[in-house]
Amino acid sequence: MRVKAKLIDIKSVDNLNLLFFDYKNEIIKVLMLEMNIDLKLNQYAYLKIKPTLLFLNSQKFDFENRLKVEIVNIKKGEIMANVLCRFKEDYFEVLMLKEGINFEKEAYLYFKSNFVAVEV
């Protein structure tokens, strides 16, 4: 996953920073130990996360980051499944155990705030 988002807020305590990004009218939270990038409010950055760190579920529940997505394609292997999903016009690839698939057309895409890398 690599998406462009706008930094809208930063909350910092000691060396812990919680960044809030606006991504197509959804808030994505990113947790960083140190602000080792030159990023200012209202500036755009790329948010990146590996497909193995994303997960999908048909159920909606509170989580750090959640996007409602459309399922485009599911390729099941013996153990793993490769799921292609879409949020608005962006596509995401999710690699997961095939036993975890409990959805067909729509699902919720979840990911933790500390799994997201920021690139300026």
C-alpha atoms as a PDB file:
ATOM      1  CA  MET A   1       0.000   0.000   0.000  1.00  0.00           C
ATOM      2  CA  ARG A   2       1.320   3.420  -0.939  1.00  0.00           C
ATOM      3  CA  VAL A   3      -1.099   6.335  -0.752  1.00  0.00           C
ATOM      4  CA  LYS A   4      -0.810  10.107  -0.715  1.00  0.00           C
ATOM      5  CA  ALA A   5      -2.294  11.858   2.322  1.00  0.00           C
ATOM      6  CA  LYS A   6      -2.189  15.302   3.968  1.00  0.00           C
ATOM      7  CA  LEU A   7      -0.825  15.799   7.485  1.00  0.00           C
ATOM      8  CA  ILE A   8      -3.538  17.577   9.487  1.00  0.00           C
ATOM      9  CA  ASP A   9      -2.412  17.220  13.124  1.00  0.00           C
ATOM     10  CA  ILE A  10       0.454  16.044  15.347  1.00  0.00           C
ATOM     11  CA  LYS A  11       0.257  15.091  19.013  1.00  0.00           C
ATOM     12  CA  SER A  12       3.646  14.675  20.714  1.00  0.00           C
ATOM     13  CA  VAL A  13       4.706  13.514  24.158  1.00  0.00           C
ATOM     14  CA  ASP A  14       8.452  13.193  24.749  1.00  0.00           C
ATOM     15  CA  ASN A  15       9.776  11.225  21.731  1.00  0.00           C
ATOM     16  CA  LEU A  16       6.380   9.716  20.878  1.00  0.00           C
ATOM     17  CA  ASN A  17       4.496  11.318  17.971  1.00  0.00           C
ATOM     18  CA  LEU A  18       0.998  10.538  16.739  1.00  0.00           C
ATOM     19  CA  LEU A  19       0.414  11.943  13.256  1.00  0.00           C
ATOM     20  CA  PHE A  20      -3.052  12.372  11.771  1.00  0.00           C
ATOM     21  CA  PHE A  21      -3.391  12.261   7.988  1.00  0.00           C
ATOM     22  CA  ASP A  22      -6.398  13.061   5.825  1.00  0.00           C
ATOM     23  CA  TYR A  23      -6.703  10.357   3.201  1.00  0.00           C
ATOM     24  CA  LYS A  24      -9.750  10.921   0.973  1.00  0.00           C
ATOM     25  CA  ASN A  25     -11.822  12.211   3.921  1.00  0.00           C
ATOM     26  CA  GLU A  26     -10.738   9.367   6.223  1.00  0.00           C
ATOM     27  CA  ILE A  27      -8.272   9.840   9.092  1.00  0.00           C
ATOM     28  CA  ILE A  28      -5.188   7.635   9.124  1.00  0.00           C
ATOM     29  CA  LYS A  29      -3.138   7.621  12.317  1.00  0.00           C
ATOM     30  CA  VAL A  30       0.610   7.011  12.233  1.00  0.00           C
ATOM     31  CA  LEU A  31       2.679   6.429  15.359  1.00  0.00           C
ATOM     32  CA  MET A  32       6.356   7.451  15.183  1.00  0.00           C
ATOM     33  CA  LEU A  33       8.967   7.285  17.922  1.00  0.00           C
ATOM     34  CA  GLU A  34      11.013  10.123  16.479  1.00  0.00           C
ATOM     35  CA  MET A  35      10.162  12.698  13.843  1.00  0.00           C
ATOM     36  CA  ASN A  36      13.088  11.887  11.577  1.00  0.00           C
ATOM     37  CA  ILE A  37      11.415  13.438   8.513  1.00  0.00           C
ATOM     38  CA  ASP A  38      10.867  17.041   7.498  1.00  0.00           C
ATOM     39  CA  LEU A  39       7.081  17.232   7.451  1.00  0.00           C
ATOM     40  CA  LYS A  40       4.837  20.184   8.287  1.00  0.00           C
ATOM     41  CA  LEU A  41       1.098  20.561   8.805  1.00  0.00           C
ATOM     42  CA  ASN A  42      -0.950  20.611   5.578  1.00  0.00           C
ATOM     43  CA  GLN A  43       1.924  19.009   3.669  1.00  0.00           C
ATOM     44  CA  TYR A  44       1.350  15.840   1.646  1.00  0.00           C
ATOM     45  CA  ALA A  45       3.312  12.637   2.209  1.00  0.00           C
ATOM     46  CA  TYR A  46       3.152   9.026   1.088  1.00  0.00           C
ATOM     47  CA  LEU A  47       1.983   6.423   3.589  1.00  0.00           C
ATOM     48  CA  LYS A  48       3.319   2.923   3.020  1.00  0.00           C
ATOM     49  CA  ILE A  49       2.527  -0.446   4.561  1.00  0.00           C
ATOM     50  CA  LYS A  50       3.362  -4.012   3.552  1.00  0.00           C
ATOM     51  CA  PRO A  51       0.532  -6.283   2.317  1.00  0.00           C
ATOM     52  CA  THR A  52       1.254  -8.754   5.125  1.00  0.00           C
ATOM     53  CA  LEU A  53       0.559  -6.054   7.742  1.00  0.00           C
ATOM     54  CA  LEU A  54      -2.955  -5.307   6.463  1.00  0.00           C
ATOM     55  CA  PHE A  55      -5.940  -7.394   7.450  1.00  0.00           C
ATOM     56  CA  LEU A  56      -9.537  -7.683   6.291  1.00  0.00           C
ATOM     57  CA  ASN A  57     -12.727  -8.637   8.070  1.00  0.00           C
ATOM     58  CA  SER A  58     -16.426  -8.482   7.240  1.00  0.00           C
ATOM     59  CA  GLN A  59     -17.144  -7.122  10.717  1.00  0.00           C
ATOM     60  CA  LYS A  60     -16.786  -3.448  11.620  1.00  0.00           C
ATOM     61  CA  PHE A  61     -15.083  -2.760  14.930  1.00  0.00           C
ATOM     62  CA  ASP A  62     -13.092   0.045  16.535  1.00  0.00           C
ATOM     63  CA  PHE A  63      -9.464  -0.021  15.527  1.00  0.00           C
ATOM     64  CA  GLU A  64      -6.622   2.445  15.003  1.00  0.00           C
ATOM     65  CA  ASN A  65      -7.107   2.598  11.220  1.00  0.00           C
ATOM     66  CA  ARG A  66     -10.109   1.284   9.305  1.00  0.00           C
ATOM     67  CA  LEU A  67     -11.276   1.717   5.698  1.00  0.00           C
ATOM     68  CA  LYS A  68     -14.387   0.188   4.141  1.00  0.00           C
ATOM     69  CA  VAL A  69     -13.247  -1.440   0.893  1.00  0.00           C
ATOM     70  CA  GLU A  70     -14.697  -3.239  -2.089  1.00  0.00           C
ATOM     71  CA  ILE A  71     -13.284  -6.704  -2.784  1.00  0.00           C
ATOM     72  CA  VAL A  72     -12.080  -6.849  -6.391  1.00  0.00           C
ATOM     73  CA  ASN A  73     -10.435 -10.277  -6.541  1.00  0.00           C
ATOM     74  CA  ILE A  74      -9.485 -13.179  -4.273  1.00  0.00           C
ATOM     75  CA  LYS A  75      -6.818 -15.703  -5.280  1.00  0.00           C
ATOM     76  CA  LYS A  76      -6.693 -18.626  -2.859  1.00  0.00           C
ATOM     77  CA  GLY A  77      -3.650 -20.853  -2.537  1.00  0.00           C
ATOM     78  CA  GLU A  78      -3.162 -23.888  -0.317  1.00  0.00           C
ATOM     79  CA  ILE A  79      -2.452 -21.771   2.773  1.00  0.00           C
ATOM     80  CA  MET A  80      -2.486 -18.103   1.812  1.00  0.00           C
ATOM     81  CA  ALA A  81      -4.849 -15.862  -0.108  1.00  0.00           C
ATOM     82  CA  ASN A  82      -4.021 -12.758  -2.109  1.00  0.00           C
ATOM     83  CA  VAL A  83      -6.908 -10.297  -1.901  1.00  0.00           C
ATOM     84  CA  LEU A  84      -7.163  -7.231  -4.104  1.00  0.00           C
ATOM     85  CA  CYS A  85      -9.447  -4.554  -2.697  1.00  0.00           C
ATOM     86  CA  ARG A  86     -10.310  -0.983  -3.602  1.00  0.00           C
ATOM     87  CA  PHE A  87     -10.937   2.157  -1.560  1.00  0.00           C
ATOM     88  CA  LYS A  88     -12.312   4.854  -3.848  1.00  0.00           C
ATOM     89  CA  GLU A  89      -9.842   4.758  -6.800  1.00  0.00           C
ATOM     90  CA  ASP A  90      -6.878   3.221  -4.924  1.00  0.00           C
ATOM     91  CA  TYR A  91      -6.128  -0.503  -4.852  1.00  0.00           C
ATOM     92  CA  PHE A  92      -4.667  -2.468  -1.952  1.00  0.00           C
ATOM     93  CA  GLU A  93      -3.178  -5.936  -1.925  1.00  0.00           C
ATOM     94  CA  VAL A  94      -3.649  -7.996   1.239  1.00  0.00           C
ATOM     95  CA  LEU A  95      -1.848 -11.284   1.911  1.00  0.00           C
ATOM     96  CA  MET A  96      -3.590 -13.376   4.536  1.00  0.00           C
ATOM     97  CA  LEU A  97      -4.367 -16.934   5.590  1.00  0.00           C
ATOM     98  CA  LYS A  98      -7.164 -18.270   3.399  1.00  0.00           C
ATOM     99  CA  GLU A  99      -9.072 -19.497   6.486  1.00  0.00           C
ATOM    100  CA  GLY A 100      -9.482 -15.858   7.548  1.00  0.00           C
ATOM    101  CA  ILE A 101     -11.620 -14.939   4.550  1.00  0.00           C
ATOM    102  CA  ASN A 102     -15.138 -14.157   5.786  1.00  0.00           C
ATOM    103  CA  PHE A 103     -16.187 -11.685   3.089  1.00  0.00           C
ATOM    104  CA  GLU A 104     -17.185 -11.631  -0.569  1.00  0.00           C
ATOM    105  CA  LYS A 105     -17.899  -8.145  -1.961  1.00  0.00           C
ATOM    106  CA  GLU A 106     -17.114  -5.705   0.864  1.00  0.00           C
ATOM    107  CA  ALA A 107     -14.929  -5.742   3.930  1.00  0.00           C
ATOM    108  CA  TYR A 108     -13.104  -3.505   6.360  1.00  0.00           C
ATOM    109  CA  LEU A 109      -9.378  -3.004   5.908  1.00  0.00           C
ATOM    110  CA  TYR A 110      -7.530  -2.641   9.222  1.00  0.00           C
ATOM    111  CA  PHE A 111      -3.948  -1.725  10.076  1.00  0.00           C
ATOM    112  CA  LYS A 112      -2.041  -0.571  13.143  1.00  0.00           C
ATOM    113  CA  SER A 113      -0.675   2.956  13.379  1.00  0.00           C
ATOM    114  CA  ASN A 114       2.884   1.774  14.081  1.00  0.00           C
ATOM    115  CA  PHE A 115       2.938  -0.380  10.887  1.00  0.00           C
ATOM    116  CA  VAL A 116       2.764   2.692   8.622  1.00  0.00           C
ATOM    117  CA  ALA A 117       5.916   4.261   7.163  1.00  0.00           C
ATOM    118  CA  VAL A 118       5.914   7.906   6.033  1.00  0.00           C
ATOM    119  CA  GLU A 119       7.803   9.105   2.977  1.00  0.00           C
ATOM    120  CA  VAL A 120       8.075  12.769   2.016  1.00  0.00           C
END
